[in-house]
Amino acid sequence: MTNTTELASEAPPKQKVARLSAEKALPASGVETLVKIIKGYVVASQGGQSQTNYKDVASATTLSPAFVNSNNSFLAESGIITSPKYGFYLPSEEAVRYAREAAWDEEKAKSHLRKLVSQCWYGQVATQTLSLRSTLTKDDFKRSLAIKCGATEGDSNALDRLMDFIIYTELVVETERGLLTKGNLDEAQTVTGQQAESEHFDKSIASLPAPQLSADKAASVSLVLHVHIKNLSDLTDENAEVVRKWAAKLGCGQIQLDSDSQ
């Protein structure tokens, strides 16, 4: 007769069930820990002057290296840190400003994080959703974030942490009734406006037809191009390069762009 102990020993080991993970990186820690990690990267990198790794950040924050490492993907996708070399990171300029100003006025310093968040996928979900509705329940907001990043039920806690981080930056504000409403959207609107103006500028220049010149005349061509700029924010290196590439279609050996102001 076979006893139950023998049957248990013959039972196949349980297989770990694999689950789908979200398409976007989500925070592995709460707001308090995330803030410590961000500040830790600024300290460990000497204000963004030198590359650092998660172990150095852990030492600077007294956090577990595993906590720091598990949040690197989220912080990198959020533009808070960059990775110039595998295993090493640098805090962004806005992250450095946030860490330095937070010691004196954390509420005001949040504007630097808010600027970064407004450009992230989850910041865009927040601004777009609240532009259509004055208030939003946490469940509805969580659902919108989940759909955007391809999250599953297993990512529920991570989505809660993400919402808390967004609320911390004050891009979204939680009311006394527990509803979410628009926070400070100045950064988001500025970024969106600049992107729209830049895209309009690019399309306008790119749509200009390139004159067809014979090879013997191309070398003697002198090009005078007047570009009217309505917004000073359009005066970027990227837009100048668009003009330069269009002008290069003439076949001139050297393109020189001169500007004057009135």
C-alpha atoms as a PDB file:
ATOM      1  CA  MET A   1       0.000   0.000   0.000  1.00  0.00           C
ATOM      2  CA  THR A   2       1.387   3.375  -1.025  1.00  0.00           C
ATOM      3  CA  ASN A   3       1.232   6.034   1.658  1.00  0.00           C
ATOM      4  CA  THR A   4       0.464   9.707   1.071  1.00  0.00           C
ATOM      5  CA  THR A   5       4.111  10.697   1.632  1.00  0.00           C
ATOM      6  CA  GLU A   6       5.215   8.614  -1.328  1.00  0.00           C
ATOM      7  CA  LEU A   7       2.437  10.044  -3.515  1.00  0.00           C
ATOM      8  CA  ALA A   8       3.467  13.573  -2.623  1.00  0.00           C
ATOM      9  CA  SER A   9       7.082  12.879  -3.497  1.00  0.00           C
ATOM     10  CA  GLU A  10       6.088  11.493  -6.884  1.00  0.00           C
ATOM     11  CA  ALA A  11       3.927  14.517  -7.766  1.00  0.00           C
ATOM     12  CA  PRO A  12       5.536  16.717 -10.442  1.00  0.00           C
ATOM     13  CA  PRO A  13       6.842  20.067  -9.215  1.00  0.00           C
ATOM     14  CA  LYS A  14       4.574  23.031  -9.807  1.00  0.00           C
ATOM     15  CA  GLN A  15       5.498  25.087 -12.835  1.00  0.00           C
ATOM     16  CA  LYS A  16       5.811  28.822 -12.395  1.00  0.00           C
ATOM     17  CA  VAL A  17       3.091  30.404 -14.480  1.00  0.00           C
ATOM     18  CA  ALA A  18       4.472  32.970 -16.900  1.00  0.00           C
ATOM     19  CA  ARG A  19       2.514  36.162 -17.321  1.00  0.00           C
ATOM     20  CA  LEU A  20       2.577  38.958 -19.801  1.00  0.00           C
ATOM     21  CA  SER A  21       4.346  42.093 -18.743  1.00  0.00           C
ATOM     22  CA  ALA A  22       3.415  45.641 -19.654  1.00  0.00           C
ATOM     23  CA  GLU A  23       4.880  47.120 -22.834  1.00  0.00           C
ATOM     24  CA  LYS A  24       6.088  50.149 -20.892  1.00  0.00           C
ATOM     25  CA  ALA A  25       8.288  50.208 -17.807  1.00  0.00           C
ATOM     26  CA  LEU A  26       6.340  50.790 -14.589  1.00  0.00           C
ATOM     27  CA  PRO A  27       7.633  51.872 -11.172  1.00  0.00           C
ATOM     28  CA  ALA A  28       8.623  49.080  -8.822  1.00  0.00           C
ATOM     29  CA  SER A  29       8.548  51.325  -5.744  1.00  0.00           C
ATOM     30  CA  GLY A  30       6.360  53.993  -4.211  1.00  0.00           C
ATOM     31  CA  VAL A  31       6.742  57.749  -4.540  1.00  0.00           C
ATOM     32  CA  GLU A  32       8.903  58.184  -1.453  1.00  0.00           C
ATOM     33  CA  THR A  33      11.434  55.645  -2.684  1.00  0.00           C
ATOM     34  CA  LEU A  34      11.380  57.015  -6.237  1.00  0.00           C
ATOM     35  CA  VAL A  35      12.124  60.509  -4.945  1.00  0.00           C
ATOM     36  CA  LYS A  36      15.034  59.186  -2.884  1.00  0.00           C
ATOM     37  CA  ILE A  37      16.437  57.382  -5.922  1.00  0.00           C
ATOM     38  CA  ILE A  38      16.179  60.480  -8.134  1.00  0.00           C
ATOM     39  CA  LYS A  39      17.961  62.595  -5.546  1.00  0.00           C
ATOM     40  CA  GLY A  40      20.454  59.768  -5.050  1.00  0.00           C
ATOM     41  CA  TYR A  41      21.427  59.781  -8.708  1.00  0.00           C
ATOM     42  CA  VAL A  42      22.096  63.509  -8.512  1.00  0.00           C
ATOM     43  CA  VAL A  43      24.278  63.090  -5.420  1.00  0.00           C
ATOM     44  CA  ALA A  44      26.154  60.019  -6.669  1.00  0.00           C
ATOM     45  CA  SER A  45      26.835  61.653 -10.059  1.00  0.00           C
ATOM     46  CA  GLN A  46      28.040  64.883  -8.429  1.00  0.00           C
ATOM     47  CA  GLY A  47      25.246  66.910  -9.942  1.00  0.00           C
ATOM     48  CA  GLY A  48      25.265  65.076 -13.265  1.00  0.00           C
ATOM     49  CA  GLN A  49      28.995  65.511 -13.819  1.00  0.00           C
ATOM     50  CA  SER A  50      30.011  61.846 -13.762  1.00  0.00           C
ATOM     51  CA  GLN A  51      28.377  58.558 -14.695  1.00  0.00           C
ATOM     52  CA  THR A  52      27.257  56.388 -11.815  1.00  0.00           C
ATOM     53  CA  ASN A  53      25.698  52.970 -11.226  1.00  0.00           C
ATOM     54  CA  TYR A  54      22.841  51.780  -9.075  1.00  0.00           C
ATOM     55  CA  LYS A  55      25.149  50.480  -6.342  1.00  0.00           C
ATOM     56  CA  ASP A  56      26.612  53.948  -5.803  1.00  0.00           C
ATOM     57  CA  VAL A  57      23.091  55.374  -5.675  1.00  0.00           C
ATOM     58  CA  ALA A  58      22.112  52.744  -3.124  1.00  0.00           C
ATOM     59  CA  SER A  59      25.036  53.798  -0.937  1.00  0.00           C
ATOM     60  CA  ALA A  60      24.060  57.456  -1.226  1.00  0.00           C
ATOM     61  CA  THR A  61      20.453  56.762  -0.246  1.00  0.00           C
ATOM     62  CA  THR A  62      20.847  53.812   2.173  1.00  0.00           C
ATOM     63  CA  LEU A  63      18.351  51.952  -0.017  1.00  0.00           C
ATOM     64  CA  SER A  64      18.766  48.386  -1.171  1.00  0.00           C
ATOM     65  CA  PRO A  65      20.633  48.106  -4.511  1.00  0.00           C
ATOM     66  CA  ALA A  66      17.779  45.905  -5.717  1.00  0.00           C
ATOM     67  CA  PHE A  67      15.256  48.710  -5.103  1.00  0.00           C
ATOM     68  CA  VAL A  68      17.344  51.141  -7.121  1.00  0.00           C
ATOM     69  CA  ASN A  69      18.024  48.728  -9.968  1.00  0.00           C
ATOM     70  CA  SER A  70      14.383  47.665 -10.293  1.00  0.00           C
ATOM     71  CA  ASN A  71      13.319  51.275 -10.982  1.00  0.00           C
ATOM     72  CA  ASN A  72      16.007  52.177 -13.516  1.00  0.00           C
ATOM     73  CA  SER A  73      13.934  51.229 -16.558  1.00  0.00           C
ATOM     74  CA  PHE A  74      11.013  53.377 -15.431  1.00  0.00           C
ATOM     75  CA  LEU A  75      13.220  56.363 -14.619  1.00  0.00           C
ATOM     76  CA  ALA A  76      15.015  56.028 -17.960  1.00  0.00           C
ATOM     77  CA  GLU A  77      11.773  55.830 -19.971  1.00  0.00           C
ATOM     78  CA  SER A  78      10.550  58.869 -18.065  1.00  0.00           C
ATOM     79  CA  GLY A  79      13.605  60.874 -19.123  1.00  0.00           C
ATOM     80  CA  ILE A  80      14.681  61.330 -15.515  1.00  0.00           C
ATOM     81  CA  ILE A  81      17.946  59.447 -16.053  1.00  0.00           C
ATOM     82  CA  THR A  82      19.871  58.469 -19.180  1.00  0.00           C
ATOM     83  CA  SER A  83      22.236  55.586 -19.795  1.00  0.00           C
ATOM     84  CA  PRO A  84      25.282  56.688 -21.831  1.00  0.00           C
ATOM     85  CA  LYS A  85      26.932  53.329 -21.179  1.00  0.00           C
ATOM     86  CA  TYR A  86      25.535  49.958 -20.168  1.00  0.00           C
ATOM     87  CA  GLY A  87      25.188  49.784 -16.408  1.00  0.00           C
ATOM     88  CA  PHE A  88      25.900  53.485 -15.880  1.00  0.00           C
ATOM     89  CA  TYR A  89      23.507  56.397 -15.651  1.00  0.00           C
ATOM     90  CA  LEU A  90      23.316  60.163 -15.539  1.00  0.00           C
ATOM     91  CA  PRO A  91      20.475  62.273 -14.150  1.00  0.00           C
ATOM     92  CA  SER A  92      18.837  64.611 -16.647  1.00  0.00           C
ATOM     93  CA  GLU A  93      19.225  68.357 -16.331  1.00  0.00           C
ATOM     94  CA  GLU A  94      15.671  68.681 -15.015  1.00  0.00           C
ATOM     95  CA  ALA A  95      16.313  65.948 -12.432  1.00  0.00           C
ATOM     96  CA  VAL A  96      19.402  67.800 -11.215  1.00  0.00           C
ATOM     97  CA  ARG A  97      17.437  71.042 -10.894  1.00  0.00           C
ATOM     98  CA  TYR A  98      14.680  69.254  -9.025  1.00  0.00           C
ATOM     99  CA  ALA A  99      17.075  67.661  -6.524  1.00  0.00           C
ATOM    100  CA  ARG A 100      18.888  70.914  -5.829  1.00  0.00           C
ATOM    101  CA  GLU A 101      15.788  73.060  -5.418  1.00  0.00           C
ATOM    102  CA  ALA A 102      13.848  70.446  -3.448  1.00  0.00           C
ATOM    103  CA  ALA A 103      16.090  71.020  -0.439  1.00  0.00           C
ATOM    104  CA  TRP A 104      14.707  74.576  -0.216  1.00  0.00           C
ATOM    105  CA  ASP A 105      11.256  74.409  -1.781  1.00  0.00           C
ATOM    106  CA  GLU A 106      10.067  70.957  -2.792  1.00  0.00           C
ATOM    107  CA  GLU A 107       6.672  72.137  -4.038  1.00  0.00           C
ATOM    108  CA  LYS A 108       8.258  74.584  -6.466  1.00  0.00           C
ATOM    109  CA  ALA A 109      10.945  72.062  -7.423  1.00  0.00           C
ATOM    110  CA  LYS A 110       8.273  69.631  -8.605  1.00  0.00           C
ATOM    111  CA  SER A 111       7.851  71.753 -11.726  1.00  0.00           C
ATOM    112  CA  HIS A 112      11.051  70.218 -13.111  1.00  0.00           C
ATOM    113  CA  LEU A 113       9.740  66.685 -12.710  1.00  0.00           C
ATOM    114  CA  ARG A 114       6.365  67.805 -14.037  1.00  0.00           C
ATOM    115  CA  LYS A 115       8.037  69.019 -17.218  1.00  0.00           C
ATOM    116  CA  LEU A 116       9.563  65.582 -17.777  1.00  0.00           C
ATOM    117  CA  VAL A 117       6.363  63.738 -16.895  1.00  0.00           C
ATOM    118  CA  SER A 118       4.301  65.863 -19.286  1.00  0.00           C
ATOM    119  CA  GLN A 119       6.431  64.546 -22.150  1.00  0.00           C
ATOM    120  CA  CYS A 120       6.124  60.875 -21.129  1.00  0.00           C
ATOM    121  CA  TRP A 121       3.471  58.510 -22.421  1.00  0.00           C
ATOM    122  CA  TYR A 122       1.686  58.478 -19.063  1.00  0.00           C
ATOM    123  CA  GLY A 123       1.788  62.260 -18.770  1.00  0.00           C
ATOM    124  CA  GLN A 124       0.203  62.535 -22.205  1.00  0.00           C
ATOM    125  CA  VAL A 125      -2.529  60.091 -21.179  1.00  0.00           C
ATOM    126  CA  ALA A 126      -3.258  62.299 -18.176  1.00  0.00           C
ATOM    127  CA  THR A 127      -3.411  65.586 -20.091  1.00  0.00           C
ATOM    128  CA  GLN A 128      -5.406  64.168 -22.994  1.00  0.00           C
ATOM    129  CA  THR A 129      -7.920  62.407 -20.765  1.00  0.00           C
ATOM    130  CA  LEU A 130      -8.476  65.412 -18.515  1.00  0.00           C
ATOM    131  CA  SER A 131      -8.780  67.740 -21.477  1.00  0.00           C
ATOM    132  CA  LEU A 132     -12.014  65.917 -22.309  1.00  0.00           C
ATOM    133  CA  ARG A 133     -13.335  65.527 -18.771  1.00  0.00           C
ATOM    134  CA  SER A 134     -13.167  67.905 -15.827  1.00  0.00           C
ATOM    135  CA  THR A 135     -12.845  65.082 -13.294  1.00  0.00           C
ATOM    136  CA  LEU A 136     -11.842  61.466 -13.424  1.00  0.00           C
ATOM    137  CA  THR A 137     -12.061  58.556 -11.029  1.00  0.00           C
ATOM    138  CA  LYS A 138      -8.886  56.707 -10.147  1.00  0.00           C
ATOM    139  CA  ASP A 139     -10.310  53.514 -11.644  1.00  0.00           C
ATOM    140  CA  ASP A 140     -10.989  55.237 -14.972  1.00  0.00           C
ATOM    141  CA  PHE A 141      -7.543  56.814 -15.020  1.00  0.00           C
ATOM    142  CA  LYS A 142      -5.936  53.494 -14.119  1.00  0.00           C
ATOM    143  CA  ARG A 143      -7.829  51.820 -16.947  1.00  0.00           C
ATOM    144  CA  SER A 144      -6.624  54.422 -19.443  1.00  0.00           C
ATOM    145  CA  LEU A 145      -3.019  53.952 -18.327  1.00  0.00           C
ATOM    146  CA  ALA A 146      -3.336  50.155 -18.460  1.00  0.00           C
ATOM    147  CA  ILE A 147      -4.689  50.188 -22.002  1.00  0.00           C
ATOM    148  CA  LYS A 148      -1.981  52.575 -23.192  1.00  0.00           C
ATOM    149  CA  CYS A 149       0.908  50.521 -21.793  1.00  0.00           C
ATOM    150  CA  GLY A 150      -0.577  47.072 -22.388  1.00  0.00           C
ATOM    151  CA  ALA A 151      -0.693  46.226 -18.686  1.00  0.00           C
ATOM    152  CA  THR A 152      -2.464  43.208 -17.212  1.00  0.00           C
ATOM    153  CA  GLU A 153      -4.126  42.564 -13.853  1.00  0.00           C
ATOM    154  CA  GLY A 154      -0.732  41.572 -12.490  1.00  0.00           C
ATOM    155  CA  ASP A 155       0.451  45.156 -13.028  1.00  0.00           C
ATOM    156  CA  SER A 156      -2.320  46.632 -10.876  1.00  0.00           C
ATOM    157  CA  ASN A 157      -0.043  47.634  -7.982  1.00  0.00           C
ATOM    158  CA  ALA A 158       2.518  49.129 -10.341  1.00  0.00           C
ATOM    159  CA  LEU A 159      -0.210  51.224 -11.976  1.00  0.00           C
ATOM    160  CA  ASP A 160      -1.262  52.476  -8.535  1.00  0.00           C
ATOM    161  CA  ARG A 161       2.336  53.541  -7.887  1.00  0.00           C
ATOM    162  CA  LEU A 162       2.431  55.261 -11.272  1.00  0.00           C
ATOM    163  CA  MET A 163      -0.708  57.255 -10.486  1.00  0.00           C
ATOM    164  CA  ASP A 164       0.742  58.280  -7.129  1.00  0.00           C
ATOM    165  CA  PHE A 165       3.893  59.510  -8.872  1.00  0.00           C
ATOM    166  CA  ILE A 166       1.876  61.553 -11.382  1.00  0.00           C
ATOM    167  CA  ILE A 167      -0.123  63.078  -8.535  1.00  0.00           C
ATOM    168  CA  TYR A 168       3.107  63.860  -6.670  1.00  0.00           C
ATOM    169  CA  THR A 169       4.353  65.943  -9.606  1.00  0.00           C
ATOM    170  CA  GLU A 170       1.006  67.804  -9.496  1.00  0.00           C
ATOM    171  CA  LEU A 171       0.334  67.252 -13.172  1.00  0.00           C
ATOM    172  CA  VAL A 172      -2.858  65.695 -11.812  1.00  0.00           C
ATOM    173  CA  VAL A 173      -4.491  66.701  -8.522  1.00  0.00           C
ATOM    174  CA  GLU A 174      -6.588  64.502  -6.254  1.00  0.00           C
ATOM    175  CA  THR A 175      -9.580  66.254  -4.726  1.00  0.00           C
ATOM    176  CA  GLU A 176     -10.988  65.705  -1.239  1.00  0.00           C
ATOM    177  CA  ARG A 177     -13.629  63.438  -2.784  1.00  0.00           C
ATOM    178  CA  GLY A 178     -10.916  61.213  -4.240  1.00  0.00           C
ATOM    179  CA  LEU A 179     -11.489  62.383  -7.818  1.00  0.00           C
ATOM    180  CA  LEU A 180      -8.699  63.423 -10.155  1.00  0.00           C
ATOM    181  CA  THR A 181      -8.667  66.779 -11.885  1.00  0.00           C
ATOM    182  CA  LYS A 182      -6.288  68.942 -13.880  1.00  0.00           C
ATOM    183  CA  GLY A 183      -3.201  70.053 -12.082  1.00  0.00           C
ATOM    184  CA  ASN A 184      -0.554  72.407 -13.386  1.00  0.00           C
ATOM    185  CA  LEU A 185      -0.619  71.836 -17.151  1.00  0.00           C
ATOM    186  CA  ASP A 186       1.567  74.805 -18.089  1.00  0.00           C
ATOM    187  CA  GLU A 187       4.524  72.562 -18.928  1.00  0.00           C
ATOM    188  CA  ALA A 188       2.407  70.149 -20.917  1.00  0.00           C
ATOM    189  CA  GLN A 189       0.770  72.925 -22.943  1.00  0.00           C
ATOM    190  CA  THR A 190       4.129  74.592 -23.594  1.00  0.00           C
ATOM    191  CA  VAL A 191       5.692  71.370 -24.824  1.00  0.00           C
ATOM    192  CA  THR A 192       2.674  70.545 -26.997  1.00  0.00           C
ATOM    193  CA  GLY A 193       2.636  74.045 -28.491  1.00  0.00           C
ATOM    194  CA  GLN A 194       6.336  74.003 -29.297  1.00  0.00           C
ATOM    195  CA  GLN A 195       6.071  70.583 -30.919  1.00  0.00           C
ATOM    196  CA  ALA A 196       3.134  71.707 -33.046  1.00  0.00           C
ATOM    197  CA  GLU A 197       4.946  74.885 -34.154  1.00  0.00           C
ATOM    198  CA  SER A 198       8.092  72.887 -34.936  1.00  0.00           C
ATOM    199  CA  GLU A 199       6.154  70.314 -36.977  1.00  0.00           C
ATOM    200  CA  HIS A 200       4.404  73.106 -38.885  1.00  0.00           C
ATOM    201  CA  PHE A 201       7.757  74.746 -39.586  1.00  0.00           C
ATOM    202  CA  ASP A 202       9.271  71.469 -40.830  1.00  0.00           C
ATOM    203  CA  LYS A 203       6.323  70.686 -43.095  1.00  0.00           C
ATOM    204  CA  SER A 204       6.272  74.199 -44.543  1.00  0.00           C
ATOM    205  CA  ILE A 205       9.936  74.057 -45.505  1.00  0.00           C
ATOM    206  CA  ALA A 206       9.827  70.451 -46.687  1.00  0.00           C
ATOM    207  CA  SER A 207       6.849  71.181 -48.953  1.00  0.00           C
ATOM    208  CA  LEU A 208       8.718  73.860 -50.904  1.00  0.00           C
ATOM    209  CA  PRO A 209       9.598  72.571 -54.384  1.00  0.00           C
ATOM    210  CA  ALA A 210      13.297  72.287 -55.146  1.00  0.00           C
ATOM    211  CA  PRO A 211      14.265  74.145 -58.359  1.00  0.00           C
ATOM    212  CA  GLN A 212      15.685  71.936 -61.081  1.00  0.00           C
ATOM    213  CA  LEU A 213      19.000  73.331 -62.316  1.00  0.00           C
ATOM    214  CA  SER A 214      21.509  72.003 -64.778  1.00  0.00           C
ATOM    215  CA  ALA A 215      24.911  70.938 -63.459  1.00  0.00           C
ATOM    216  CA  ASP A 216      26.766  73.814 -65.146  1.00  0.00           C
ATOM    217  CA  LYS A 217      24.524  76.431 -63.532  1.00  0.00           C
ATOM    218  CA  ALA A 218      24.345  74.882 -60.084  1.00  0.00           C
ATOM    219  CA  ALA A 219      27.879  75.938 -59.165  1.00  0.00           C
ATOM    220  CA  SER A 220      27.098  79.613 -59.763  1.00  0.00           C
ATOM    221  CA  VAL A 221      23.824  79.722 -57.911  1.00  0.00           C
ATOM    222  CA  SER A 222      23.442  82.270 -55.127  1.00  0.00           C
ATOM    223  CA  LEU A 223      20.514  81.543 -52.892  1.00  0.00           C
ATOM    224  CA  VAL A 224      18.716  84.158 -50.814  1.00  0.00           C
ATOM    225  CA  LEU A 225      16.050  82.580 -48.674  1.00  0.00           C
ATOM    226  CA  HIS A 226      13.779  84.649 -46.446  1.00  0.00           C
ATOM    227  CA  VAL A 227      12.195  82.678 -43.621  1.00  0.00           C
ATOM    228  CA  HIS A 228       9.695  84.526 -41.459  1.00  0.00           C
ATOM    229  CA  ILE A 229       9.769  83.297 -37.867  1.00  0.00           C
ATOM    230  CA  LYS A 230       6.701  84.075 -35.762  1.00  0.00           C
ATOM    231  CA  ASN A 231       7.844  82.199 -32.658  1.00  0.00           C
ATOM    232  CA  LEU A 232      11.375  82.535 -31.300  1.00  0.00           C
ATOM    233  CA  SER A 233      11.161  78.966 -30.014  1.00  0.00           C
ATOM    234  CA  ASP A 234      11.390  77.878 -33.685  1.00  0.00           C
ATOM    235  CA  LEU A 235      14.986  79.124 -33.817  1.00  0.00           C
ATOM    236  CA  THR A 236      16.474  75.715 -33.108  1.00  0.00           C
ATOM    237  CA  ASP A 237      19.359  73.752 -34.585  1.00  0.00           C
ATOM    238  CA  GLU A 238      16.889  71.134 -35.835  1.00  0.00           C
ATOM    239  CA  ASN A 239      14.901  73.680 -37.847  1.00  0.00           C
ATOM    240  CA  ALA A 240      18.086  75.241 -39.221  1.00  0.00           C
ATOM    241  CA  GLU A 241      19.127  71.807 -40.432  1.00  0.00           C
ATOM    242  CA  VAL A 242      15.788  71.433 -42.246  1.00  0.00           C
ATOM    243  CA  VAL A 243      16.460  74.676 -44.139  1.00  0.00           C
ATOM    244  CA  ARG A 244      20.014  73.618 -44.879  1.00  0.00           C
ATOM    245  CA  LYS A 245      18.930  70.250 -46.309  1.00  0.00           C
ATOM    246  CA  TRP A 246      16.316  71.880 -48.504  1.00  0.00           C
ATOM    247  CA  ALA A 247      18.807  74.421 -49.795  1.00  0.00           C
ATOM    248  CA  ALA A 248      21.300  71.625 -50.484  1.00  0.00           C
ATOM    249  CA  LYS A 249      18.894  70.208 -53.072  1.00  0.00           C
ATOM    250  CA  LEU A 250      20.053  73.023 -55.364  1.00  0.00           C
ATOM    251  CA  GLY A 251      23.364  71.234 -55.697  1.00  0.00           C
ATOM    252  CA  CYS A 252      25.454  74.076 -54.322  1.00  0.00           C
ATOM    253  CA  GLY A 253      28.836  73.019 -53.044  1.00  0.00           C
ATOM    254  CA  GLN A 254      28.562  75.095 -49.866  1.00  0.00           C
ATOM    255  CA  ILE A 255      25.477  76.376 -48.114  1.00  0.00           C
ATOM    256  CA  GLN A 256      25.769  79.473 -45.943  1.00  0.00           C
ATOM    257  CA  LEU A 257      22.848  80.644 -43.857  1.00  0.00           C
ATOM    258  CA  ASP A 258      22.856  84.292 -42.811  1.00  0.00           C
ATOM    259  CA  SER A 259      20.269  85.913 -40.600  1.00  0.00           C
ATOM    260  CA  ASP A 260      19.413  89.444 -39.621  1.00  0.00           C
ATOM    261  CA  SER A 261      16.909  90.819 -37.164  1.00  0.00           C
ATOM    262  CA  GLN A 262      14.652  93.845 -37.381  1.00  0.00           C
END
